[in-house]
mmCIF file of all heavy atoms, coordinates in Angstrom:
data_MODEL
# 
_entry.id   MODEL 
# 
loop_
_atom_site.group_PDB 
_atom_site.id 
_atom_site.type_symbol 
_atom_site.label_atom_id 
_atom_site.label_alt_id 
_atom_site.label_comp_id 
_atom_site.label_asym_id 
_atom_site.label_entity_id 
_atom_site.label_seq_id 
_atom_site.pdbx_PDB_ins_code 
_atom_site.Cartn_x 
_atom_site.Cartn_y 
_atom_site.Cartn_z 
_atom_site.occupancy 
_atom_site.B_iso_or_equiv 
_atom_site.pdbx_formal_charge 
_atom_site.auth_seq_id 
_atom_site.auth_comp_id 
_atom_site.auth_asym_id 
_atom_site.auth_atom_id 
_atom_site.pdbx_PDB_model_num 
ATOM 1   N N   . VAL A 1 1  ? -184.047 -264.268 3.681  1.00 0.00 ? 1  VAL A N   1 
ATOM 2   C CA  . VAL A 1 1  ? -185.240 -265.029 4.029  1.00 0.00 ? 1  VAL A CA  1 
ATOM 3   C C   . VAL A 1 1  ? -186.217 -264.133 4.779  1.00 0.00 ? 1  VAL A C   1 
ATOM 4   O O   . VAL A 1 1  ? -187.418 -264.063 4.461  1.00 0.00 ? 1  VAL A O   1 
ATOM 5   C CB  . VAL A 1 1  ? -184.885 -266.263 4.879  1.00 0.00 ? 1  VAL A CB  1 
ATOM 6   C CG1 . VAL A 1 1  ? -186.152 -266.987 5.332  1.00 0.00 ? 1  VAL A CG1 1 
ATOM 7   C CG2 . VAL A 1 1  ? -183.973 -267.213 4.106  1.00 0.00 ? 1  VAL A CG2 1 
ATOM 8   N N   . HIS A 1 2  ? -185.731 -263.411 5.775  1.00 0.00 ? 2  HIS A N   1 
ATOM 9   C CA  . HIS A 1 2  ? -186.585 -262.520 6.563  1.00 0.00 ? 2  HIS A CA  1 
ATOM 10  C C   . HIS A 1 2  ? -187.171 -261.413 5.690  1.00 0.00 ? 2  HIS A C   1 
ATOM 11  O O   . HIS A 1 2  ? -188.358 -261.068 5.813  1.00 0.00 ? 2  HIS A O   1 
ATOM 12  C CB  . HIS A 1 2  ? -185.785 -261.893 7.702  1.00 0.00 ? 2  HIS A CB  1 
ATOM 13  C CG  . HIS A 1 2  ? -185.112 -262.892 8.588  1.00 0.00 ? 2  HIS A CG  1 
ATOM 14  N ND1 . HIS A 1 2  ? -183.983 -262.594 9.331  1.00 0.00 ? 2  HIS A ND1 1 
ATOM 15  C CD2 . HIS A 1 2  ? -185.403 -264.197 8.857  1.00 0.00 ? 2  HIS A CD2 1 
ATOM 16  C CE1 . HIS A 1 2  ? -183.618 -263.658 10.023 1.00 0.00 ? 2  HIS A CE1 1 
ATOM 17  N NE2 . HIS A 1 2  ? -184.452 -264.645 9.749  1.00 0.00 ? 2  HIS A NE2 1 
ATOM 18  N N   . GLU A 1 3  ? -186.331 -260.850 4.832  1.00 0.00 ? 3  GLU A N   1 
ATOM 19  C CA  . GLU A 1 3  ? -186.755 -259.738 3.984  1.00 0.00 ? 3  GLU A CA  1 
ATOM 20  C C   . GLU A 1 3  ? -187.849 -260.158 3.008  1.00 0.00 ? 3  GLU A C   1 
ATOM 21  O O   . GLU A 1 3  ? -188.892 -259.495 2.882  1.00 0.00 ? 3  GLU A O   1 
ATOM 22  C CB  . GLU A 1 3  ? -185.533 -259.215 3.218  1.00 0.00 ? 3  GLU A CB  1 
ATOM 23  C CG  . GLU A 1 3  ? -185.818 -258.079 2.252  1.00 0.00 ? 3  GLU A CG  1 
ATOM 24  C CD  . GLU A 1 3  ? -184.541 -257.614 1.576  1.00 0.00 ? 3  GLU A CD  1 
ATOM 25  O OE1 . GLU A 1 3  ? -183.916 -258.414 0.843  1.00 0.00 ? 3  GLU A OE1 1 
ATOM 26  O OE2 . GLU A 1 3  ? -184.160 -256.456 1.808  1.00 0.00 ? 3  GLU A OE2 1 
ATOM 27  N N   . ILE A 1 4  ? -187.644 -261.264 2.318  1.00 0.00 ? 4  ILE A N   1 
ATOM 28  C CA  . ILE A 1 4  ? -188.614 -261.707 1.327  1.00 0.00 ? 4  ILE A CA  1 
ATOM 29  C C   . ILE A 1 4  ? -189.879 -262.226 2.004  1.00 0.00 ? 4  ILE A C   1 
ATOM 30  O O   . ILE A 1 4  ? -190.991 -262.020 1.503  1.00 0.00 ? 4  ILE A O   1 
ATOM 31  C CB  . ILE A 1 4  ? -187.979 -262.756 0.392  1.00 0.00 ? 4  ILE A CB  1 
ATOM 32  C CG1 . ILE A 1 4  ? -186.871 -262.099 -0.446 1.00 0.00 ? 4  ILE A CG1 1 
ATOM 33  C CG2 . ILE A 1 4  ? -189.022 -263.395 -0.506 1.00 0.00 ? 4  ILE A CG2 1 
ATOM 34  C CD1 . ILE A 1 4  ? -186.047 -263.067 -1.261 1.00 0.00 ? 4  ILE A CD1 1 
ATOM 35  N N   . HIS A 1 5  ? -189.741 -262.870 3.154  1.00 0.00 ? 5  HIS A N   1 
ATOM 36  C CA  . HIS A 1 5  ? -190.912 -263.293 3.924  1.00 0.00 ? 5  HIS A CA  1 
ATOM 37  C C   . HIS A 1 5  ? -191.771 -262.076 4.271  1.00 0.00 ? 5  HIS A C   1 
ATOM 38  O O   . HIS A 1 5  ? -193.009 -262.123 4.186  1.00 0.00 ? 5  HIS A O   1 
ATOM 39  C CB  . HIS A 1 5  ? -190.465 -264.016 5.192  1.00 0.00 ? 5  HIS A CB  1 
ATOM 40  C CG  . HIS A 1 5  ? -191.583 -264.527 6.034  1.00 0.00 ? 5  HIS A CG  1 
ATOM 41  N ND1 . HIS A 1 5  ? -192.226 -263.734 6.962  1.00 0.00 ? 5  HIS A ND1 1 
ATOM 42  C CD2 . HIS A 1 5  ? -192.184 -265.745 6.101  1.00 0.00 ? 5  HIS A CD2 1 
ATOM 43  C CE1 . HIS A 1 5  ? -193.169 -264.439 7.563  1.00 0.00 ? 5  HIS A CE1 1 
ATOM 44  N NE2 . HIS A 1 5  ? -193.161 -265.664 7.060  1.00 0.00 ? 5  HIS A NE2 1 
ATOM 45  N N   . HIS A 1 6  ? -191.122 -260.984 4.657  1.00 0.00 ? 6  HIS A N   1 
ATOM 46  C CA  . HIS A 1 6  ? -191.837 -259.747 4.988  1.00 0.00 ? 6  HIS A CA  1 
ATOM 47  C C   . HIS A 1 6  ? -192.608 -259.222 3.772  1.00 0.00 ? 6  HIS A C   1 
ATOM 48  O O   . HIS A 1 6  ? -193.774 -258.818 3.889  1.00 0.00 ? 6  HIS A O   1 
ATOM 49  C CB  . HIS A 1 6  ? -190.837 -258.701 5.475  1.00 0.00 ? 6  HIS A CB  1 
ATOM 50  C CG  . HIS A 1 6  ? -191.436 -257.374 5.790  1.00 0.00 ? 6  HIS A CG  1 
ATOM 51  N ND1 . HIS A 1 6  ? -192.133 -257.125 6.942  1.00 0.00 ? 6  HIS A ND1 1 
ATOM 52  C CD2 . HIS A 1 6  ? -191.444 -256.206 5.084  1.00 0.00 ? 6  HIS A CD2 1 
ATOM 53  C CE1 . HIS A 1 6  ? -192.542 -255.863 6.957  1.00 0.00 ? 6  HIS A CE1 1 
ATOM 54  N NE2 . HIS A 1 6  ? -192.135 -255.291 5.835  1.00 0.00 ? 6  HIS A NE2 1 
ATOM 55  N N   . LEU A 1 7  ? -191.961 -259.231 2.615  1.00 0.00 ? 7  LEU A N   1 
ATOM 56  C CA  . LEU A 1 7  ? -192.628 -258.763 1.397  1.00 0.00 ? 7  LEU A CA  1 
ATOM 57  C C   . LEU A 1 7  ? -193.798 -259.665 1.027  1.00 0.00 ? 7  LEU A C   1 
ATOM 58  O O   . LEU A 1 7  ? -194.884 -259.174 0.674  1.00 0.00 ? 7  LEU A O   1 
ATOM 59  C CB  . LEU A 1 7  ? -191.620 -258.705 0.245  1.00 0.00 ? 7  LEU A CB  1 
ATOM 60  C CG  . LEU A 1 7  ? -192.191 -258.328 -1.128 1.00 0.00 ? 7  LEU A CG  1 
ATOM 61  C CD1 . LEU A 1 7  ? -192.854 -256.957 -1.095 1.00 0.00 ? 7  LEU A CD1 1 
ATOM 62  C CD2 . LEU A 1 7  ? -191.089 -258.370 -2.190 1.00 0.00 ? 7  LEU A CD2 1 
ATOM 63  N N   . LEU A 1 8  ? -193.621 -260.972 1.105  1.00 0.00 ? 8  LEU A N   1 
ATOM 64  C CA  . LEU A 1 8  ? -194.709 -261.892 0.780  1.00 0.00 ? 8  LEU A CA  1 
ATOM 65  C C   . LEU A 1 8  ? -195.885 -261.709 1.733  1.00 0.00 ? 8  LEU A C   1 
ATOM 66  O O   . LEU A 1 8  ? -197.053 -261.810 1.318  1.00 0.00 ? 8  LEU A O   1 
ATOM 67  C CB  . LEU A 1 8  ? -194.212 -263.333 0.818  1.00 0.00 ? 8  LEU A CB  1 
ATOM 68  C CG  . LEU A 1 8  ? -193.159 -263.733 -0.220 1.00 0.00 ? 8  LEU A CG  1 
ATOM 69  C CD1 . LEU A 1 8  ? -192.777 -265.196 -0.058 1.00 0.00 ? 8  LEU A CD1 1 
ATOM 70  C CD2 . LEU A 1 8  ? -193.631 -263.449 -1.640 1.00 0.00 ? 8  LEU A CD2 1 
ATOM 71  N N   . GLY A 1 9  ? -195.589 -261.422 2.992  1.00 0.00 ? 9  GLY A N   1 
ATOM 72  C CA  . GLY A 1 9  ? -196.657 -261.157 3.940  1.00 0.00 ? 9  GLY A CA  1 
ATOM 73  C C   . GLY A 1 9  ? -197.428 -259.907 3.584  1.00 0.00 ? 9  GLY A C   1 
ATOM 74  O O   . GLY A 1 9  ? -198.666 -259.864 3.714  1.00 0.00 ? 9  GLY A O   1 
ATOM 75  N N   . ALA A 1 10 ? -196.725 -258.872 3.130  1.00 0.00 ? 10 ALA A N   1 
ATOM 76  C CA  . ALA A 1 10 ? -197.386 -257.636 2.717  1.00 0.00 ? 10 ALA A CA  1 
ATOM 77  C C   . ALA A 1 10 ? -198.268 -257.876 1.496  1.00 0.00 ? 10 ALA A C   1 
ATOM 78  O O   . ALA A 1 10 ? -199.374 -257.323 1.386  1.00 0.00 ? 10 ALA A O   1 
ATOM 79  C CB  . ALA A 1 10 ? -196.339 -256.560 2.428  1.00 0.00 ? 10 ALA A CB  1 
ATOM 80  N N   . ILE A 1 11 ? -197.793 -258.707 0.571  1.00 0.00 ? 11 ILE A N   1 
ATOM 81  C CA  . ILE A 1 11 ? -198.582 -259.028 -0.617 1.00 0.00 ? 11 ILE A CA  1 
ATOM 82  C C   . ILE A 1 11 ? -199.822 -259.827 -0.228 1.00 0.00 ? 11 ILE A C   1 
ATOM 83  O O   . ILE A 1 11 ? -200.936 -259.528 -0.673 1.00 0.00 ? 11 ILE A O   1 
ATOM 84  C CB  . ILE A 1 11 ? -197.716 -259.813 -1.624 1.00 0.00 ? 11 ILE A CB  1 
ATOM 85  C CG1 . ILE A 1 11 ? -196.595 -258.922 -2.180 1.00 0.00 ? 11 ILE A CG1 1 
ATOM 86  C CG2 . ILE A 1 11 ? -198.580 -260.367 -2.759 1.00 0.00 ? 11 ILE A CG2 1 
ATOM 87  C CD1 . ILE A 1 11 ? -195.554 -259.681 -2.986 1.00 0.00 ? 11 ILE A CD1 1 
ATOM 88  N N   . LYS A 1 12 ? -199.636 -260.838 0.606  1.00 0.00 ? 12 LYS A N   1 
ATOM 89  C CA  . LYS A 1 12 ? -200.736 -261.716 0.993  1.00 0.00 ? 12 LYS A CA  1 
ATOM 90  C C   . LYS A 1 12 ? -201.795 -260.961 1.803  1.00 0.00 ? 12 LYS A C   1 
ATOM 91  O O   . LYS A 1 12 ? -203.005 -261.113 1.559  1.00 0.00 ? 12 LYS A O   1 
ATOM 92  C CB  . LYS A 1 12 ? -200.190 -262.881 1.819  1.00 0.00 ? 12 LYS A CB  1 
ATOM 93  C CG  . LYS A 1 12 ? -201.256 -263.769 2.472  1.00 0.00 ? 12 LYS A CG  1 
ATOM 94  C CD  . LYS A 1 12 ? -202.035 -264.596 1.460  1.00 0.00 ? 12 LYS A CD  1 
ATOM 95  C CE  . LYS A 1 12 ? -203.069 -265.483 2.129  1.00 0.00 ? 12 LYS A CE  1 
ATOM 96  N NZ  . LYS A 1 12 ? -202.458 -266.485 3.041  1.00 0.00 ? 12 LYS A NZ  1 
ATOM 97  N N   . ASN A 1 13 ? -201.362 -260.138 2.747  1.00 0.00 ? 13 ASN A N   1 
ATOM 98  C CA  . ASN A 1 13 ? -202.276 -259.527 3.699  1.00 0.00 ? 13 ASN A CA  1 
ATOM 99  C C   . ASN A 1 13 ? -202.666 -258.090 3.362  1.00 0.00 ? 13 ASN A C   1 
ATOM 100 O O   . ASN A 1 13 ? -203.470 -257.494 4.079  1.00 0.00 ? 13 ASN A O   1 
ATOM 101 C CB  . ASN A 1 13 ? -201.643 -259.569 5.097  1.00 0.00 ? 13 ASN A CB  1 
ATOM 102 C CG  . ASN A 1 13 ? -201.337 -260.983 5.542  1.00 0.00 ? 13 ASN A CG  1 
ATOM 103 O OD1 . ASN A 1 13 ? -202.139 -261.894 5.370  1.00 0.00 ? 13 ASN A OD1 1 
ATOM 104 N ND2 . ASN A 1 13 ? -200.142 -261.183 6.102  1.00 0.00 ? 13 ASN A ND2 1 
ATOM 105 N N   . GLY A 1 14 ? -202.066 -257.537 2.304  1.00 0.00 ? 14 GLY A N   1 
ATOM 106 C CA  . GLY A 1 14 ? -202.365 -256.164 1.939  1.00 0.00 ? 14 GLY A CA  1 
ATOM 107 C C   . GLY A 1 14 ? -201.833 -255.147 2.933  1.00 0.00 ? 14 GLY A C   1 
ATOM 108 O O   . GLY A 1 14 ? -202.357 -254.036 3.049  1.00 0.00 ? 14 GLY A O   1 
ATOM 109 N N   . THR A 1 15 ? -200.767 -255.505 3.642  1.00 0.00 ? 15 THR A N   1 
ATOM 110 C CA  . THR A 1 15 ? -200.168 -254.618 4.628  1.00 0.00 ? 15 THR A CA  1 
ATOM 111 C C   . THR A 1 15 ? -199.029 -253.810 4.012  1.00 0.00 ? 15 THR A C   1 
ATOM 112 O O   . THR A 1 15 ? -198.583 -254.081 2.896  1.00 0.00 ? 15 THR A O   1 
ATOM 113 C CB  . THR A 1 15 ? -199.651 -255.426 5.829  1.00 0.00 ? 15 THR A CB  1 
ATOM 114 O OG1 . THR A 1 15 ? -198.802 -256.485 5.348  1.00 0.00 ? 15 THR A OG1 1 
ATOM 115 C CG2 . THR A 1 15 ? -200.804 -256.043 6.598  1.00 0.00 ? 15 THR A CG2 1 
ATOM 116 N N   . ASP A 1 16 ? -198.558 -252.828 4.769  1.00 0.00 ? 16 ASP A N   1 
ATOM 117 C CA  . ASP A 1 16 ? -197.499 -251.955 4.260  1.00 0.00 ? 16 ASP A CA  1 
ATOM 118 C C   . ASP A 1 16 ? -196.132 -252.632 4.359  1.00 0.00 ? 16 ASP A C   1 
ATOM 119 O O   . ASP A 1 16 ? -195.852 -253.346 5.331  1.00 0.00 ? 16 ASP A O   1 
ATOM 120 C CB  . ASP A 1 16 ? -197.462 -250.655 5.047  1.00 0.00 ? 16 ASP A CB  1 
ATOM 121 C CG  . ASP A 1 16 ? -198.693 -249.782 4.818  1.00 0.00 ? 16 ASP A CG  1 
ATOM 122 O OD1 . ASP A 1 16 ? -199.308 -249.922 3.745  1.00 0.00 ? 16 ASP A OD1 1 
ATOM 123 O OD2 . ASP A 1 16 ? -199.017 -248.974 5.710  1.00 0.00 ? 16 ASP A OD2 1 
ATOM 124 N N   . VAL A 1 17 ? -195.288 -252.374 3.384  1.00 0.00 ? 17 VAL A N   1 
ATOM 125 C CA  . VAL A 1 17 ? -193.895 -252.811 3.449  1.00 0.00 ? 17 VAL A CA  1 
ATOM 126 C C   . VAL A 1 17 ? -193.150 -251.993 4.507  1.00 0.00 ? 17 VAL A C   1 
ATOM 127 O O   . VAL A 1 17 ? -192.343 -252.517 5.275  1.00 0.00 ? 17 VAL A O   1 
ATOM 128 C CB  . VAL A 1 17 ? -193.229 -252.685 2.072  1.00 0.00 ? 17 VAL A CB  1 
ATOM 129 C CG1 . VAL A 1 17 ? -191.714 -252.873 2.170  1.00 0.00 ? 17 VAL A CG1 1 
ATOM 130 C CG2 . VAL A 1 17 ? -193.821 -253.697 1.102  1.00 0.00 ? 17 VAL A CG2 1 
ATOM 131 N N   . ALA A 1 18 ? -193.414 -250.688 4.564  1.00 0.00 ? 18 ALA A N   1 
ATOM 132 C CA  . ALA A 1 18 ? -192.833 -249.825 5.592  1.00 0.00 ? 18 ALA A CA  1 
ATOM 133 C C   . ALA A 1 18 ? -193.570 -250.036 6.916  1.00 0.00 ? 18 ALA A C   1 
ATOM 134 O O   . ALA A 1 18 ? -194.700 -250.510 6.920  1.00 0.00 ? 18 ALA A O   1 
ATOM 135 C CB  . ALA A 1 18 ? -192.964 -248.369 5.144  1.00 0.00 ? 18 ALA A CB  1 
ATOM 136 N N   . PRO A 1 19 ? -192.950 -249.698 8.040  1.00 0.00 ? 19 PRO A N   1 
ATOM 137 C CA  . PRO A 1 19 ? -191.643 -249.048 8.179  1.00 0.00 ? 19 PRO A CA  1 
ATOM 138 C C   . PRO A 1 19 ? -190.466 -250.008 8.315  1.00 0.00 ? 19 PRO A C   1 
ATOM 139 O O   . PRO A 1 19 ? -189.319 -249.579 8.237  1.00 0.00 ? 19 PRO A O   1 
ATOM 140 C CB  . PRO A 1 19 ? -191.810 -248.257 9.481  1.00 0.00 ? 19 PRO A CB  1 
ATOM 141 C CG  . PRO A 1 19 ? -192.688 -249.140 10.322 1.00 0.00 ? 19 PRO A CG  1 
ATOM 142 C CD  . PRO A 1 19 ? -193.660 -249.767 9.346  1.00 0.00 ? 19 PRO A CD  1 
ATOM 143 N N   . TYR A 1 20 ? -190.735 -251.306 8.507  1.00 0.00 ? 20 TYR A N   1 
ATOM 144 C CA  . TYR A 1 20 ? -189.611 -252.214 8.750  1.00 0.00 ? 20 TYR A CA  1 
ATOM 145 C C   . TYR A 1 20 ? -188.908 -252.618 7.463  1.00 0.00 ? 20 TYR A C   1 
ATOM 146 O O   . TYR A 1 20 ? -187.692 -252.809 7.456  1.00 0.00 ? 20 TYR A O   1 
ATOM 147 C CB  . TYR A 1 20 ? -190.096 -253.442 9.520  1.00 0.00 ? 20 TYR A CB  1 
ATOM 148 C CG  . TYR A 1 20 ? -190.545 -253.112 10.911 1.00 0.00 ? 20 TYR A CG  1 
ATOM 149 C CD1 . TYR A 1 20 ? -191.867 -253.251 11.297 1.00 0.00 ? 20 TYR A CD1 1 
ATOM 150 C CD2 . TYR A 1 20 ? -189.633 -252.621 11.842 1.00 0.00 ? 20 TYR A CD2 1 
ATOM 151 C CE1 . TYR A 1 20 ? -192.274 -252.923 12.589 1.00 0.00 ? 20 TYR A CE1 1 
ATOM 152 C CE2 . TYR A 1 20 ? -190.026 -252.286 13.132 1.00 0.00 ? 20 TYR A CE2 1 
ATOM 153 C CZ  . TYR A 1 20 ? -191.346 -252.444 13.493 1.00 0.00 ? 20 TYR A CZ  1 
ATOM 154 O OH  . TYR A 1 20 ? -191.737 -252.107 14.763 1.00 0.00 ? 20 TYR A OH  1 
ATOM 155 N N   . GLY A 1 21 ? -189.637 -252.753 6.389  1.00 0.00 ? 21 GLY A N   1 
ATOM 156 C CA  . GLY A 1 21 ? -189.018 -252.981 5.099  1.00 0.00 ? 21 GLY A CA  1 
ATOM 157 C C   . GLY A 1 21 ? -188.752 -251.659 4.405  1.00 0.00 ? 21 GLY A C   1 
ATOM 158 O O   . GLY A 1 21 ? -189.449 -250.667 4.620  1.00 0.00 ? 21 GLY A O   1 
ATOM 159 N N   . ALA A 1 22 ? -187.713 -251.633 3.578  1.00 0.00 ? 22 ALA A N   1 
ATOM 160 C CA  . ALA A 1 22 ? -187.390 -250.425 2.822  1.00 0.00 ? 22 ALA A CA  1 
ATOM 161 C C   . ALA A 1 22 ? -188.221 -250.394 1.547  1.00 0.00 ? 22 ALA A C   1 
ATOM 162 O O   . ALA A 1 22 ? -188.134 -251.294 0.719  1.00 0.00 ? 22 ALA A O   1 
ATOM 163 C CB  . ALA A 1 22 ? -185.903 -250.393 2.481  1.00 0.00 ? 22 ALA A CB  1 
ATOM 164 N N   . THR A 1 23 ? -189.036 -249.361 1.392  1.00 0.00 ? 23 THR A N   1 
ATOM 165 C CA  . THR A 1 23 ? -189.801 -249.183 0.168  1.00 0.00 ? 23 THR A CA  1 
ATOM 166 C C   . THR A 1 23 ? -188.933 -248.487 -0.878 1.00 0.00 ? 23 THR A C   1 
ATOM 167 O O   . THR A 1 23 ? -187.797 -248.077 -0.607 1.00 0.00 ? 23 THR A O   1 
ATOM 168 C CB  . THR A 1 23 ? -191.043 -248.330 0.432  1.00 0.00 ? 23 THR A CB  1 
ATOM 169 O OG1 . THR A 1 23 ? -190.610 -246.998 0.799  1.00 0.00 ? 23 THR A OG1 1 
ATOM 170 C CG2 . THR A 1 23 ? -191.895 -248.915 1.554  1.00 0.00 ? 23 THR A CG2 1 
ATOM 171 N N   . PHE A 1 24 ? -189.483 -248.303 -2.064 1.00 0.00 ? 24 PHE A N   1 
ATOM 172 C CA  . PHE A 1 24 ? -188.752 -247.556 -3.084 1.00 0.00 ? 24 PHE A CA  1 
ATOM 173 C C   . PHE A 1 24 ? -188.577 -246.093 -2.668 1.00 0.00 ? 24 PHE A C   1 
ATOM 174 O O   . PHE A 1 24 ? -187.631 -245.433 -3.102 1.00 0.00 ? 24 PHE A O   1 
ATOM 175 C CB  . PHE A 1 24 ? -189.467 -247.654 -4.427 1.00 0.00 ? 24 PHE A CB  1 
ATOM 176 C CG  . PHE A 1 24 ? -189.231 -248.960 -5.145 1.00 0.00 ? 24 PHE A CG  1 
ATOM 177 C CD1 . PHE A 1 24 ? -188.608 -250.020 -4.518 1.00 0.00 ? 24 PHE A CD1 1 
ATOM 178 C CD2 . PHE A 1 24 ? -189.641 -249.126 -6.466 1.00 0.00 ? 24 PHE A CD2 1 
ATOM 179 C CE1 . PHE A 1 24 ? -188.390 -251.221 -5.178 1.00 0.00 ? 24 PHE A CE1 1 
ATOM 180 C CE2 . PHE A 1 24 ? -189.430 -250.320 -7.135 1.00 0.00 ? 24 PHE A CE2 1 
ATOM 181 C CZ  . PHE A 1 24 ? -188.802 -251.374 -6.498 1.00 0.00 ? 24 PHE A CZ  1 
ATOM 182 N N   . GLU A 1 25 ? -189.472 -245.574 -1.834 1.00 0.00 ? 25 GLU A N   1 
ATOM 183 C CA  . GLU A 1 25 ? -189.244 -244.222 -1.313 1.00 0.00 ? 25 GLU A CA  1 
ATOM 184 C C   . GLU A 1 25 ? -187.990 -244.203 -0.455 1.00 0.00 ? 25 GLU A C   1 
ATOM 185 O O   . GLU A 1 25 ? -187.194 -243.255 -0.514 1.00 0.00 ? 25 GLU A O   1 
ATOM 186 C CB  . GLU A 1 25 ? -190.438 -243.730 -0.505 1.00 0.00 ? 25 GLU A CB  1 
ATOM 187 C CG  . GLU A 1 25 ? -190.216 -242.324 0.035  1.00 0.00 ? 25 GLU A CG  1 
ATOM 188 C CD  . GLU A 1 25 ? -191.385 -241.744 0.799  1.00 0.00 ? 25 GLU A CD  1 
ATOM 189 O OE1 . GLU A 1 25 ? -192.386 -242.463 1.005  1.00 0.00 ? 25 GLU A OE1 1 
ATOM 190 O OE2 . GLU A 1 25 ? -191.291 -240.561 1.207  1.00 0.00 ? 25 GLU A OE2 1 
ATOM 191 N N   . ASP A 1 26 ? -187.784 -245.236 0.361  1.00 0.00 ? 26 ASP A N   1 
ATOM 192 C CA  . ASP A 1 26 ? -186.552 -245.322 1.147  1.00 0.00 ? 26 ASP A CA  1 
ATOM 193 C C   . ASP A 1 26 ? -185.328 -245.412 0.238  1.00 0.00 ? 26 ASP A C   1 
ATOM 194 O O   . ASP A 1 26 ? -184.287 -244.809 0.512  1.00 0.00 ? 26 ASP A O   1 
ATOM 195 C CB  . ASP A 1 26 ? -186.602 -246.535 2.071  1.00 0.00 ? 26 ASP A CB  1 
ATOM 196 C CG  . ASP A 1 26 ? -187.604 -246.375 3.200  1.00 0.00 ? 26 ASP A CG  1 
ATOM 197 O OD1 . ASP A 1 26 ? -187.483 -245.408 3.960  1.00 0.00 ? 26 ASP A OD1 1 
ATOM 198 O OD2 . ASP A 1 26 ? -188.517 -247.217 3.310  1.00 0.00 ? 26 ASP A OD2 1 
ATOM 199 N N   . GLY A 1 27 ? -185.447 -246.188 -0.849 1.00 0.00 ? 27 GLY A N   1 
ATOM 200 C CA  . GLY A 1 27 ? -184.351 -246.271 -1.801 1.00 0.00 ? 27 GLY A CA  1 
ATOM 201 C C   . GLY A 1 27 ? -184.035 -244.929 -2.405 1.00 0.00 ? 27 GLY A C   1 
ATOM 202 O O   . GLY A 1 27 ? -182.858 -244.555 -2.576 1.00 0.00 ? 27 GLY A O   1 
ATOM 203 N N   . TYR A 1 28 ? -185.091 -244.162 -2.731 1.00 0.00 ? 28 TYR A N   1 
ATOM 204 C CA  . TYR A 1 28 ? -184.890 -242.823 -3.284 1.00 0.00 ? 28 TYR A CA  1 
ATOM 205 C C   . TYR A 1 28 ? -184.233 -241.890 -2.257 1.00 0.00 ? 28 TYR A C   1 
ATOM 206 O O   . TYR A 1 28 ? -183.299 -241.153 -2.572 1.00 0.00 ? 28 TYR A O   1 
ATOM 207 C CB  . TYR A 1 28 ? -186.226 -242.237 -3.755 1.00 0.00 ? 28 TYR A CB  1 
ATOM 208 C CG  . TYR A 1 28 ? -186.238 -240.738 -3.730 1.00 0.00 ? 28 TYR A CG  1 
ATOM 209 C CD1 . TYR A 1 28 ? -185.460 -240.011 -4.629 1.00 0.00 ? 28 TYR A CD1 1 
ATOM 210 C CD2 . TYR A 1 28 ? -186.979 -240.037 -2.773 1.00 0.00 ? 28 TYR A CD2 1 
ATOM 211 C CE1 . TYR A 1 28 ? -185.423 -238.623 -4.574 1.00 0.00 ? 28 TYR A CE1 1 
ATOM 212 C CE2 . TYR A 1 28 ? -186.950 -238.667 -2.717 1.00 0.00 ? 28 TYR A CE2 1 
ATOM 213 C CZ  . TYR A 1 28 ? -186.173 -237.955 -3.614 1.00 0.00 ? 28 TYR A CZ  1 
ATOM 214 O OH  . TYR A 1 28 ? -186.130 -236.582 -3.548 1.00 0.00 ? 28 TYR A OH  1 
# 
């Protein structure tokens, strides 16, 4: 819930997923 809420907030507000969310760069 927290993770997806964070992503939806980034989509809605145009903010970065990083540093608190793991981006695909973090996955790499």
